[in-house]
Full PDB file with SEQRES, HELIX, SHEET, SSBOND, CRYST1, ORIGX, SCALE, CONECT and MASTER records, all heavy atoms in Angstrom:
SEQRES   1 A   38  GLU ASP ALA SER PHE SER THR GLN SER ALA ASP ASP LEU          
SEQRES   2 A   38  TYR ALA ALA GLY GLN ALA ALA PHE ALA ARG LYS ASP TYR          
SEQRES   3 A   38  SER ARG ALA GLN HIS CYS PHE SER ARG CYS ILE VAL              
HELIX    1 AA1 ASP A    2  PHE A    5  1                                   4    
HELIX    2 AA2 ALA A   10  ALA A   22  1                                  13    
HELIX    3 AA3 TYR A   26  ILE A   37  1                                  12    
CRYST1    1.000    1.000    1.000  90.00  90.00  90.00 P 1           1          
ORIGX1      1.000000  0.000000  0.000000        0.00000                         
ORIGX2      0.000000  1.000000  0.000000        0.00000                         
ORIGX3      0.000000  0.000000  1.000000        0.00000                         
SCALE1      1.000000  0.000000  0.000000        0.00000                         
SCALE2      0.000000  1.000000  0.000000        0.00000                         
SCALE3      0.000000  0.000000  1.000000        0.00000                         
ATOM      1  N   GLU A   1       7.719 -33.701  -7.296  1.00  0.00           N  
ATOM      2  CA  GLU A   1       6.245 -33.653  -7.309  1.00  0.00           C  
ATOM      3  C   GLU A   1       5.667 -33.597  -5.899  1.00  0.00           C  
ATOM      4  O   GLU A   1       4.829 -32.758  -5.593  1.00  0.00           O  
ATOM      5  CB  GLU A   1       5.697 -34.879  -8.036  1.00  0.00           C  
ATOM      6  CG  GLU A   1       4.177 -34.927  -8.025  1.00  0.00           C  
ATOM      7  CD  GLU A   1       3.665 -36.275  -8.475  1.00  0.00           C  
ATOM      8  OE1 GLU A   1       4.430 -37.076  -8.986  1.00  0.00           O  
ATOM      9  OE2 GLU A   1       2.451 -36.488  -8.275  1.00  0.00           O  
ATOM     10  N   ASP A   2       6.092 -34.506  -5.020  1.00  0.00           N  
ATOM     11  CA  ASP A   2       5.495 -34.579  -3.691  1.00  0.00           C  
ATOM     12  C   ASP A   2       5.732 -33.290  -2.910  1.00  0.00           C  
ATOM     13  O   ASP A   2       4.827 -32.746  -2.279  1.00  0.00           O  
ATOM     14  CB  ASP A   2       6.063 -35.777  -2.928  1.00  0.00           C  
ATOM     15  CG  ASP A   2       5.616 -37.094  -3.539  1.00  0.00           C  
ATOM     16  OD1 ASP A   2       4.581 -37.085  -4.238  1.00  0.00           O  
ATOM     17  OD2 ASP A   2       6.297 -38.098  -3.309  1.00  0.00           O  
ATOM     18  N   ALA A   3       6.956 -32.795  -2.944  1.00  0.00           N  
ATOM     19  CA  ALA A   3       7.282 -31.600  -2.176  1.00  0.00           C  
ATOM     20  C   ALA A   3       6.570 -30.377  -2.706  1.00  0.00           C  
ATOM     21  O   ALA A   3       6.162 -29.500  -1.943  1.00  0.00           O  
ATOM     22  CB  ALA A   3       8.796 -31.368  -2.204  1.00  0.00           C  
ATOM     23  N   SER A   4       6.378 -30.299  -4.034  1.00  0.00           N  
ATOM     24  CA  SER A   4       5.818 -29.088  -4.650  1.00  0.00           C  
ATOM     25  C   SER A   4       4.297 -29.067  -4.646  1.00  0.00           C  
ATOM     26  O   SER A   4       3.695 -28.002  -4.617  1.00  0.00           O  
ATOM     27  CB  SER A   4       6.315 -28.960  -6.094  1.00  0.00           C  
ATOM     28  OG  SER A   4       7.711 -28.834  -6.124  1.00  0.00           O  
ATOM     29  N   PHE A   5       3.683 -30.255  -4.725  1.00  0.00           N  
ATOM     30  CA  PHE A   5       2.262 -30.280  -5.007  1.00  0.00           C  
ATOM     31  C   PHE A   5       1.377 -30.956  -3.958  1.00  0.00           C  
ATOM     32  O   PHE A   5       0.196 -30.644  -3.872  1.00  0.00           O  
ATOM     33  CB  PHE A   5       2.007 -30.978  -6.351  1.00  0.00           C  
ATOM     34  CG  PHE A   5       2.595 -30.244  -7.521  1.00  0.00           C  
ATOM     35  CD1 PHE A   5       3.767 -30.675  -8.104  1.00  0.00           C  
ATOM     36  CD2 PHE A   5       1.975 -29.121  -8.035  1.00  0.00           C  
ATOM     37  CE1 PHE A   5       4.309 -29.995  -9.184  1.00  0.00           C  
ATOM     38  CE2 PHE A   5       2.513 -28.434  -9.104  1.00  0.00           C  
ATOM     39  CZ  PHE A   5       3.684 -28.874  -9.689  1.00  0.00           C  
ATOM     40  N   SER A   6       1.913 -31.872  -3.200  1.00  0.00           N  
ATOM     41  CA  SER A   6       1.046 -32.731  -2.389  1.00  0.00           C  
ATOM     42  C   SER A   6       0.270 -31.974  -1.328  1.00  0.00           C  
ATOM     43  O   SER A   6      -0.807 -32.406  -0.920  1.00  0.00           O  
ATOM     44  CB  SER A   6       1.888 -33.845  -1.741  1.00  0.00           C  
ATOM     45  OG  SER A   6       2.869 -33.277  -0.890  1.00  0.00           O  
ATOM     46  N   THR A   7       0.783 -30.848  -0.856  1.00  0.00           N  
ATOM     47  CA  THR A   7       0.098 -30.123   0.220  1.00  0.00           C  
ATOM     48  C   THR A   7      -0.636 -28.885  -0.261  1.00  0.00           C  
ATOM     49  O   THR A   7      -1.225 -28.163   0.544  1.00  0.00           O  
ATOM     50  CB  THR A   7       1.119 -29.702   1.303  1.00  0.00           C  
ATOM     51  OG1 THR A   7       2.081 -28.815   0.715  1.00  0.00           O  
ATOM     52  CG2 THR A   7       1.824 -30.910   1.881  1.00  0.00           C  
ATOM     53  N   GLN A   8      -0.637 -28.627  -1.574  1.00  0.00           N  
ATOM     54  CA  GLN A   8      -1.263 -27.415  -2.089  1.00  0.00           C  
ATOM     55  C   GLN A   8      -2.747 -27.622  -2.361  1.00  0.00           C  
ATOM     56  O   GLN A   8      -3.192 -28.722  -2.687  1.00  0.00           O  
ATOM     57  CB  GLN A   8      -0.565 -26.957  -3.374  1.00  0.00           C  
ATOM     58  CG  GLN A   8       0.830 -26.406  -3.140  1.00  0.00           C  
ATOM     59  CD  GLN A   8       1.458 -25.923  -4.432  1.00  0.00           C  
ATOM     60  OE1 GLN A   8       1.863 -26.711  -5.270  1.00  0.00           O  
ATOM     61  NE2 GLN A   8       1.513 -24.616  -4.600  1.00  0.00           N  
ATOM     62  N   SER A   9      -3.504 -26.549  -2.225  1.00  0.00           N  
ATOM     63  CA  SER A   9      -4.937 -26.592  -2.522  1.00  0.00           C  
ATOM     64  C   SER A   9      -5.143 -26.511  -4.028  1.00  0.00           C  
ATOM     65  O   SER A   9      -4.235 -26.149  -4.788  1.00  0.00           O  
ATOM     66  CB  SER A   9      -5.641 -25.417  -1.850  1.00  0.00           C  
ATOM     67  OG  SER A   9      -5.257 -24.190  -2.469  1.00  0.00           O  
ATOM     68  N   ALA A  10      -6.371 -26.813  -4.465  1.00  0.00           N  
ATOM     69  CA  ALA A  10      -6.699 -26.724  -5.886  1.00  0.00           C  
ATOM     70  C   ALA A  10      -6.531 -25.291  -6.388  1.00  0.00           C  
ATOM     71  O   ALA A  10      -6.051 -25.068  -7.508  1.00  0.00           O  
ATOM     72  CB  ALA A  10      -8.125 -27.207  -6.123  1.00  0.00           C  
ATOM     73  N   ASP A  11      -6.914 -24.318  -5.567  1.00  0.00           N  
ATOM     74  CA  ASP A  11      -6.761 -22.914  -5.976  1.00  0.00           C  
ATOM     75  C   ASP A  11      -5.295 -22.552  -6.184  1.00  0.00           C  
ATOM     76  O   ASP A  11      -4.937 -21.860  -7.142  1.00  0.00           O  
ATOM     77  CB  ASP A  11      -7.383 -21.984  -4.928  1.00  0.00           C  
ATOM     78  CG  ASP A  11      -8.897 -22.007  -4.939  1.00  0.00           C  
ATOM     79  OD1 ASP A  11      -9.477 -22.494  -5.937  1.00  0.00           O  
ATOM     80  OD2 ASP A  11      -9.505 -21.543  -3.957  1.00  0.00           O  
ATOM     81  N   ASP A  12      -4.440 -23.014  -5.271  1.00  0.00           N  
ATOM     82  CA  ASP A  12      -3.004 -22.743  -5.393  1.00  0.00           C  
ATOM     83  C   ASP A  12      -2.418 -23.420  -6.634  1.00  0.00           C  
ATOM     84  O   ASP A  12      -1.619 -22.828  -7.364  1.00  0.00           O  
ATOM     85  CB  ASP A  12      -2.254 -23.230  -4.156  1.00  0.00           C  
ATOM     86  CG  ASP A  12      -2.542 -22.384  -2.919  1.00  0.00           C  
ATOM     87  OD1 ASP A  12      -2.962 -21.217  -3.082  1.00  0.00           O  
ATOM     88  OD2 ASP A  12      -2.358 -22.885  -1.793  1.00  0.00           O  
ATOM     89  N   LEU A  13      -2.825 -24.642  -6.861  1.00  0.00           N  
ATOM     90  CA  LEU A  13      -2.339 -25.385  -8.026  1.00  0.00           C  
ATOM     91  C   LEU A  13      -2.823 -24.755  -9.322  1.00  0.00           C  
ATOM     92  O   LEU A  13      -2.085 -24.692 -10.308  1.00  0.00           O  
ATOM     93  CB  LEU A  13      -2.792 -26.839  -7.935  1.00  0.00           C  
ATOM     94  CG  LEU A  13      -2.095 -27.680  -6.868  1.00  0.00           C  
ATOM     95  CD1 LEU A  13      -2.889 -28.951  -6.603  1.00  0.00           C  
ATOM     96  CD2 LEU A  13      -0.675 -28.012  -7.302  1.00  0.00           C  
ATOM     97  N   TYR A  14      -4.057 -24.271  -9.301  1.00  0.00           N  
ATOM     98  CA  TYR A  14      -4.600 -23.602 -10.489  1.00  0.00           C  
ATOM     99  C   TYR A  14      -3.796 -22.346 -10.803  1.00  0.00           C  
ATOM    100  O   TYR A  14      -3.427 -22.100 -11.962  1.00  0.00           O  
ATOM    101  CB  TYR A  14      -6.069 -23.252 -10.262  1.00  0.00           C  
ATOM    102  CG  TYR A  14      -6.672 -22.442 -11.372  1.00  0.00           C  
ATOM    103  CD1 TYR A  14      -6.960 -23.017 -12.606  1.00  0.00           C  
ATOM    104  CD2 TYR A  14      -6.945 -21.082 -11.207  1.00  0.00           C  
ATOM    105  CE1 TYR A  14      -7.506 -22.269 -13.633  1.00  0.00           C  
ATOM    106  CE2 TYR A  14      -7.485 -20.328 -12.229  1.00  0.00           C  
ATOM    107  CZ  TYR A  14      -7.771 -20.925 -13.440  1.00  0.00           C  
ATOM    108  OH  TYR A  14      -8.300 -20.170 -14.459  1.00  0.00           O  
ATOM    109  N   ALA A  15      -3.504 -21.549  -9.760  1.00  0.00           N  
ATOM    110  CA  ALA A  15      -2.711 -20.340  -9.960  1.00  0.00           C  
ATOM    111  C   ALA A  15      -1.317 -20.689 -10.481  1.00  0.00           C  
ATOM    112  O   ALA A  15      -0.784 -20.007 -11.377  1.00  0.00           O  
ATOM    113  CB  ALA A  15      -2.601 -19.557  -8.658  1.00  0.00           C  
ATOM    114  N   ALA A  16      -0.739 -21.750  -9.960  1.00  0.00           N  
ATOM    115  CA  ALA A  16       0.581 -22.185 -10.430  1.00  0.00           C  
ATOM    116  C   ALA A  16       0.517 -22.647 -11.877  1.00  0.00           C  
ATOM    117  O   ALA A  16       1.429 -22.381 -12.674  1.00  0.00           O  
ATOM    118  CB  ALA A  16       1.102 -23.309  -9.536  1.00  0.00           C  
ATOM    119  N   GLY A  17      -0.561 -23.333 -12.220  1.00  0.00           N  
ATOM    120  CA  GLY A  17      -0.740 -23.785 -13.596  1.00  0.00           C  
ATOM    121  C   GLY A  17      -0.889 -22.637 -14.569  1.00  0.00           C  
ATOM    122  O   GLY A  17      -0.302 -22.635 -15.654  1.00  0.00           O  
ATOM    123  N   GLN A  18      -1.662 -21.621 -14.165  1.00  0.00           N  
ATOM    124  CA  GLN A  18      -1.835 -20.451 -15.024  1.00  0.00           C  
ATOM    125  C   GLN A  18      -0.518 -19.707 -15.198  1.00  0.00           C  
ATOM    126  O   GLN A  18      -0.193 -19.229 -16.292  1.00  0.00           O  
ATOM    127  CB  GLN A  18      -2.893 -19.518 -14.417  1.00  0.00           C  
ATOM    128  CG  GLN A  18      -4.299 -20.076 -14.398  1.00  0.00           C  
ATOM    129  CD  GLN A  18      -4.937 -20.089 -15.778  1.00  0.00           C  
ATOM    130  OE1 GLN A  18      -4.412 -20.637 -16.732  1.00  0.00           O  
ATOM    131  NE2 GLN A  18      -6.085 -19.450 -15.891  1.00  0.00           N  
ATOM    132  N   ALA A  19       0.261 -19.608 -14.122  1.00  0.00           N  
ATOM    133  CA  ALA A  19       1.562 -18.932 -14.194  1.00  0.00           C  
ATOM    134  C   ALA A  19       2.510 -19.704 -15.110  1.00  0.00           C  
ATOM    135  O   ALA A  19       3.234 -19.109 -15.923  1.00  0.00           O  
ATOM    136  CB  ALA A  19       2.161 -18.789 -12.807  1.00  0.00           C  
ATOM    137  N   ALA A  20       2.497 -21.024 -14.994  1.00  0.00           N  
ATOM    138  CA  ALA A  20       3.351 -21.849 -15.849  1.00  0.00           C  
ATOM    139  C   ALA A  20       2.939 -21.717 -17.314  1.00  0.00           C  
ATOM    140  O   ALA A  20       3.792 -21.628 -18.207  1.00  0.00           O  
ATOM    141  CB  ALA A  20       3.274 -23.305 -15.401  1.00  0.00           C  
ATOM    142  N   PHE A  21       1.639 -21.695 -17.554  1.00  0.00           N  
ATOM    143  CA  PHE A  21       1.144 -21.555 -18.922  1.00  0.00           C  
ATOM    144  C   PHE A  21       1.582 -20.209 -19.506  1.00  0.00           C  
ATOM    145  O   PHE A  21       2.005 -20.125 -20.655  1.00  0.00           O  
ATOM    146  CB  PHE A  21      -0.380 -21.657 -18.935  1.00  0.00           C  
ATOM    147  CG  PHE A  21      -0.965 -21.831 -20.312  1.00  0.00           C  
ATOM    148  CD1 PHE A  21      -1.237 -23.091 -20.805  1.00  0.00           C  
ATOM    149  CD2 PHE A  21      -1.241 -20.732 -21.114  1.00  0.00           C  
ATOM    150  CE1 PHE A  21      -1.774 -23.256 -22.070  1.00  0.00           C  
ATOM    151  CE2 PHE A  21      -1.769 -20.882 -22.374  1.00  0.00           C  
ATOM    152  CZ  PHE A  21      -2.041 -22.152 -22.864  1.00  0.00           C  
ATOM    153  N   ALA A  22       1.504 -19.156 -18.688  1.00  0.00           N  
ATOM    154  CA  ALA A  22       1.869 -17.814 -19.153  1.00  0.00           C  
ATOM    155  C   ALA A  22       3.337 -17.733 -19.557  1.00  0.00           C  
ATOM    156  O   ALA A  22       3.690 -17.001 -20.486  1.00  0.00           O  
ATOM    157  CB  ALA A  22       1.558 -16.781 -18.076  1.00  0.00           C  
ATOM    158  N   ARG A  23       4.183 -18.488 -18.866  1.00  0.00           N  
ATOM    159  CA  ARG A  23       5.606 -18.459 -19.226  1.00  0.00           C  
ATOM    160  C   ARG A  23       5.963 -19.601 -20.194  1.00  0.00           C  
ATOM    161  O   ARG A  23       7.133 -19.898 -20.429  1.00  0.00           O  
ATOM    162  CB  ARG A  23       6.482 -18.524 -17.969  1.00  0.00           C  
ATOM    163  CG  ARG A  23       6.401 -19.781 -17.150  1.00  0.00           C  
ATOM    164  CD  ARG A  23       7.416 -19.747 -15.987  1.00  0.00           C  
ATOM    165  NE  ARG A  23       7.349 -20.957 -15.213  1.00  0.00           N  
ATOM    166  CZ  ARG A  23       6.582 -21.137 -14.160  1.00  0.00           C  
ATOM    167  NH1 ARG A  23       5.799 -20.154 -13.732  1.00  0.00           N  
ATOM    168  NH2 ARG A  23       6.583 -22.294 -13.513  1.00  0.00           N  
ATOM    169  N   LYS A  24       4.937 -20.244 -20.739  1.00  0.00           N  
ATOM    170  CA  LYS A  24       5.062 -21.270 -21.782  1.00  0.00           C  
ATOM    171  C   LYS A  24       5.702 -22.563 -21.284  1.00  0.00           C  
ATOM    172  O   LYS A  24       6.273 -23.326 -22.062  1.00  0.00           O  
ATOM    173  CB  LYS A  24       5.819 -20.730 -22.997  1.00  0.00           C  
ATOM    174  CG  LYS A  24       5.136 -19.535 -23.648  1.00  0.00           C  
ATOM    175  CD  LYS A  24       5.870 -19.062 -24.882  1.00  0.00           C  
ATOM    176  CE  LYS A  24       5.149 -17.872 -25.503  1.00  0.00           C  
ATOM    177  NZ  LYS A  24       5.848 -17.384 -26.725  1.00  0.00           N  
ATOM    178  N   ASP A  25       5.584 -22.815 -20.003  1.00  0.00           N  
ATOM    179  CA  ASP A  25       6.018 -24.091 -19.433  1.00  0.00           C  
ATOM    180  C   ASP A  25       4.788 -24.995 -19.411  1.00  0.00           C  
ATOM    181  O   ASP A  25       4.174 -25.241 -18.357  1.00  0.00           O  
ATOM    182  CB  ASP A  25       6.587 -23.879 -18.027  1.00  0.00           C  
ATOM    183  CG  ASP A  25       7.237 -25.154 -17.468  1.00  0.00           C  
ATOM    184  OD1 ASP A  25       7.075 -26.225 -18.088  1.00  0.00           O  
ATOM    185  OD2 ASP A  25       7.891 -25.067 -16.411  1.00  0.00           O  
ATOM    186  N   TYR A  26       4.425 -25.488 -20.572  1.00  0.00           N  
ATOM    187  CA  TYR A  26       3.155 -26.183 -20.730  1.00  0.00           C  
ATOM    188  C   TYR A  26       3.141 -27.542 -20.035  1.00  0.00           C  
ATOM    189  O   TYR A  26       2.091 -27.996 -19.576  1.00  0.00           O  
ATOM    190  CB  TYR A  26       2.826 -26.335 -22.210  1.00  0.00           C  
ATOM    191  CG  TYR A  26       2.763 -25.016 -22.931  1.00  0.00           C  
ATOM    192  CD1 TYR A  26       3.564 -24.765 -24.035  1.00  0.00           C  
ATOM    193  CD2 TYR A  26       1.920 -24.002 -22.485  1.00  0.00           C  
ATOM    194  CE1 TYR A  26       3.515 -23.543 -24.694  1.00  0.00           C  
ATOM    195  CE2 TYR A  26       1.861 -22.773 -23.130  1.00  0.00           C  
ATOM    196  CZ  TYR A  26       2.667 -22.554 -24.238  1.00  0.00           C  
ATOM    197  OH  TYR A  26       2.621 -21.343 -24.875  1.00  0.00           O  
ATOM    198  N   SER A  27       4.286 -28.184 -19.935  1.00  0.00           N  
ATOM    199  CA  SER A  27       4.351 -29.468 -19.239  1.00  0.00           C  
ATOM    200  C   SER A  27       4.028 -29.295 -17.755  1.00  0.00           C  
ATOM    201  O   SER A  27       3.241 -30.059 -17.177  1.00  0.00           O  
ATOM    202  CB  SER A  27       5.748 -30.083 -19.410  1.00  0.00           C  
ATOM    203  OG  SER A  27       5.831 -31.315 -18.727  1.00  0.00           O  
ATOM    204  N   ARG A  28       4.624 -28.293 -17.142  1.00  0.00           N  
ATOM    205  CA  ARG A  28       4.326 -28.032 -15.731  1.00  0.00           C  
ATOM    206  C   ARG A  28       2.869 -27.592 -15.560  1.00  0.00           C  
ATOM    207  O   ARG A  28       2.196 -27.981 -14.599  1.00  0.00           O  
ATOM    208  CB  ARG A  28       5.269 -26.973 -15.172  1.00  0.00           C  
ATOM    209  CG  ARG A  28       5.064 -26.731 -13.665  1.00  0.00           C  
ATOM    210  CD  ARG A  28       6.035 -25.697 -13.137  1.00  0.00           C  
ATOM    211  NE  ARG A  28       5.771 -25.360 -11.743  1.00  0.00           N  
ATOM    212  CZ  ARG A  28       6.309 -25.962 -10.700  1.00  0.00           C  
ATOM    213  NH1 ARG A  28       7.154 -26.964 -10.889  1.00  0.00           N  
ATOM    214  NH2 ARG A  28       6.032 -25.581  -9.461  1.00  0.00           N  
ATOM    215  N   ALA A  29       2.381 -26.775 -16.493  1.00  0.00           N  
ATOM    216  CA  ALA A  29       0.983 -26.334 -16.419  1.00  0.00           C  
ATOM    217  C   ALA A  29       0.052 -27.541 -16.461  1.00  0.00           C  
ATOM    218  O   ALA A  29      -0.888 -27.635 -15.667  1.00  0.00           O  
ATOM    219  CB  ALA A  29       0.670 -25.380 -17.564  1.00  0.00           C  
ATOM    220  N   GLN A  30       0.323 -28.464 -17.369  1.00  0.00           N  
ATOM    221  CA  GLN A  30      -0.497 -29.673 -17.457  1.00  0.00           C  
ATOM    222  C   GLN A  30      -0.480 -30.432 -16.140  1.00  0.00           C  
ATOM    223  O   GLN A  30      -1.520 -30.913 -15.668  1.00  0.00           O  
ATOM    224  CB  GLN A  30       0.005 -30.578 -18.580  1.00  0.00           C  
ATOM    225  CG  GLN A  30      -0.757 -31.898 -18.681  1.00  0.00           C  
ATOM    226  CD  GLN A  30      -0.215 -32.804 -19.762  1.00  0.00           C  
ATOM    227  OE1 GLN A  30       0.385 -32.349 -20.729  1.00  0.00           O  
ATOM    228  NE2 GLN A  30      -0.415 -34.101 -19.614  1.00  0.00           N  
ATOM    229  N   HIS A  31       0.690 -30.549 -15.542  1.00  0.00           N  
ATOM    230  CA  HIS A  31       0.801 -31.262 -14.279  1.00  0.00           C  
ATOM    231  C   HIS A  31      -0.011 -30.577 -13.176  1.00  0.00           C  
ATOM    232  O   HIS A  31      -0.716 -31.239 -12.407  1.00  0.00           O  
ATOM    233  CB  HIS A  31       2.274 -31.343 -13.875  1.00  0.00           C  
ATOM    234  CG  HIS A  31       2.512 -32.147 -12.632  1.00  0.00           C  
ATOM    235  ND1 HIS A  31       2.262 -33.498 -12.566  1.00  0.00           N  
ATOM    236  CD2 HIS A  31       2.956 -31.786 -11.401  1.00  0.00           C  
ATOM    237  CE1 HIS A  31       2.548 -33.939 -11.358  1.00  0.00           C  
ATOM    238  NE2 HIS A  31       2.970 -32.920 -10.621  1.00  0.00           N  
ATOM    239  N   CYS A  32       0.078 -29.256 -13.115  1.00  0.00           N  
ATOM    240  CA  CYS A  32      -0.684 -28.518 -12.097  1.00  0.00           C  
ATOM    241  C   CYS A  32      -2.179 -28.744 -12.271  1.00  0.00           C  
ATOM    242  O   CYS A  32      -2.905 -28.994 -11.292  1.00  0.00           O  
ATOM    243  CB  CYS A  32      -0.362 -27.030 -12.178  1.00  0.00           C  
ATOM    244  SG  CYS A  32       1.306 -26.573 -11.648  1.00  0.00           S  
ATOM    245  N   PHE A  33      -2.656 -28.661 -13.510  1.00  0.00           N  
ATOM    246  CA  PHE A  33      -4.087 -28.832 -13.755  1.00  0.00           C  
ATOM    247  C   PHE A  33      -4.521 -30.270 -13.484  1.00  0.00           C  
ATOM    248  O   PHE A  33      -5.649 -30.510 -13.040  1.00  0.00           O  
ATOM    249  CB  PHE A  33      -4.440 -28.407 -15.182  1.00  0.00           C  
ATOM    250  CG  PHE A  33      -4.180 -26.947 -15.456  1.00  0.00           C  
ATOM    251  CD1 PHE A  33      -3.557 -26.545 -16.630  1.00  0.00           C  
ATOM    252  CD2 PHE A  33      -4.550 -25.976 -14.543  1.00  0.00           C  
ATOM    253  CE1 PHE A  33      -3.317 -25.198 -16.885  1.00  0.00           C  
ATOM    254  CE2 PHE A  33      -4.312 -24.625 -14.783  1.00  0.00           C  
ATOM    255  CZ  PHE A  33      -3.686 -24.237 -15.964  1.00  0.00           C  
ATOM    256  N   SER A  34      -3.630 -31.227 -13.745  1.00  0.00           N  
ATOM    257  CA  SER A  34      -3.949 -32.624 -13.429  1.00  0.00           C  
ATOM    258  C   SER A  34      -4.139 -32.804 -11.931  1.00  0.00           C  
ATOM    259  O   SER A  34      -5.042 -33.511 -11.481  1.00  0.00           O  
ATOM    260  CB  SER A  34      -2.835 -33.555 -13.934  1.00  0.00           C  
ATOM    261  OG  SER A  34      -2.807 -33.594 -15.339  1.00  0.00           O  
ATOM    262  N   ARG A  35      -3.286 -32.151 -11.155  1.00  0.00           N  
ATOM    263  CA  ARG A  35      -3.434 -32.226  -9.699  1.00  0.00           C  
ATOM    264  C   ARG A  35      -4.732 -31.548  -9.244  1.00  0.00           C  
ATOM    265  O   ARG A  35      -5.389 -32.018  -8.324  1.00  0.00           O  
ATOM    266  CB  ARG A  35      -2.236 -31.566  -9.014  1.00  0.00           C  
ATOM    267  CG  ARG A  35      -0.901 -32.278  -9.231  1.00  0.00           C  
ATOM    268  CD  ARG A  35      -0.883 -33.660  -8.659  1.00  0.00           C  
ATOM    269  NE  ARG A  35      -1.181 -33.699  -7.232  1.00  0.00           N  
ATOM    270  CZ  ARG A  35      -1.266 -34.795  -6.501  1.00  0.00           C  
ATOM    271  NH1 ARG A  35      -1.101 -35.967  -7.078  1.00  0.00           N  
ATOM    272  NH2 ARG A  35      -1.532 -34.730  -5.215  1.00  0.00           N  
ATOM    273  N   CYS A  36      -5.096 -30.459  -9.914  1.00  0.00           N  
ATOM    274  CA  CYS A  36      -6.380 -29.807  -9.610  1.00  0.00           C  
ATOM    275  C   CYS A  36      -7.531 -30.778  -9.821  1.00  0.00           C  
ATOM    276  O   CYS A  36      -8.470 -30.849  -9.017  1.00  0.00           O  
ATOM    277  CB  CYS A  36      -6.581 -28.591 -10.520  1.00  0.00           C  
ATOM    278  SG  CYS A  36      -5.538 -27.173 -10.161  1.00  0.00           S  
ATOM    279  N   ILE A  37      -7.445 -31.538 -10.916  1.00  0.00           N  
ATOM    280  CA  ILE A  37      -8.511 -32.481 -11.248  1.00  0.00           C  
ATOM    281  C   ILE A  37      -8.597 -33.587 -10.206  1.00  0.00           C  
ATOM    282  O   ILE A  37      -9.691 -34.028  -9.825  1.00  0.00           O  
ATOM    283  CB  ILE A  37      -8.279 -33.058 -12.665  1.00  0.00           C  
ATOM    284  CG1 ILE A  37      -8.518 -31.963 -13.718  1.00  0.00           C  
ATOM    285  CG2 ILE A  37      -9.179 -34.261 -12.928  1.00  0.00           C  
ATOM    286  CD1 ILE A  37      -8.035 -32.323 -15.102  1.00  0.00           C  
ATOM    287  N   VAL A  38      -7.451 -34.049  -9.713  1.00  0.00           N  
ATOM    288  CA  VAL A  38      -7.458 -35.073  -8.662  1.00  0.00           C  
ATOM    289  C   VAL A  38      -8.193 -34.559  -7.433  1.00  0.00           C  
ATOM    290  O   VAL A  38      -8.975 -35.277  -6.806  1.00  0.00           O  
ATOM    291  CB  VAL A  38      -6.011 -35.473  -8.299  1.00  0.00           C  
ATOM    292  CG1 VAL A  38      -5.999 -36.352  -7.047  1.00  0.00           C  
ATOM    293  CG2 VAL A  38      -5.363 -36.208  -9.462  1.00  0.00           C  
TER     294      VAL A  38                                                      
MASTER        0    0    0    3    0    0    0    6  293    1    0    3          
END                                                                             
């Protein structure tokens, strides 16, 4: 988590979340969007 997400912007995390959702990795997508919300 720290290495992948802690330094990313909300826009980057949102794009990662959308990409994860598209490939049906919904758990990772949820995590990305949660970080966006933070």
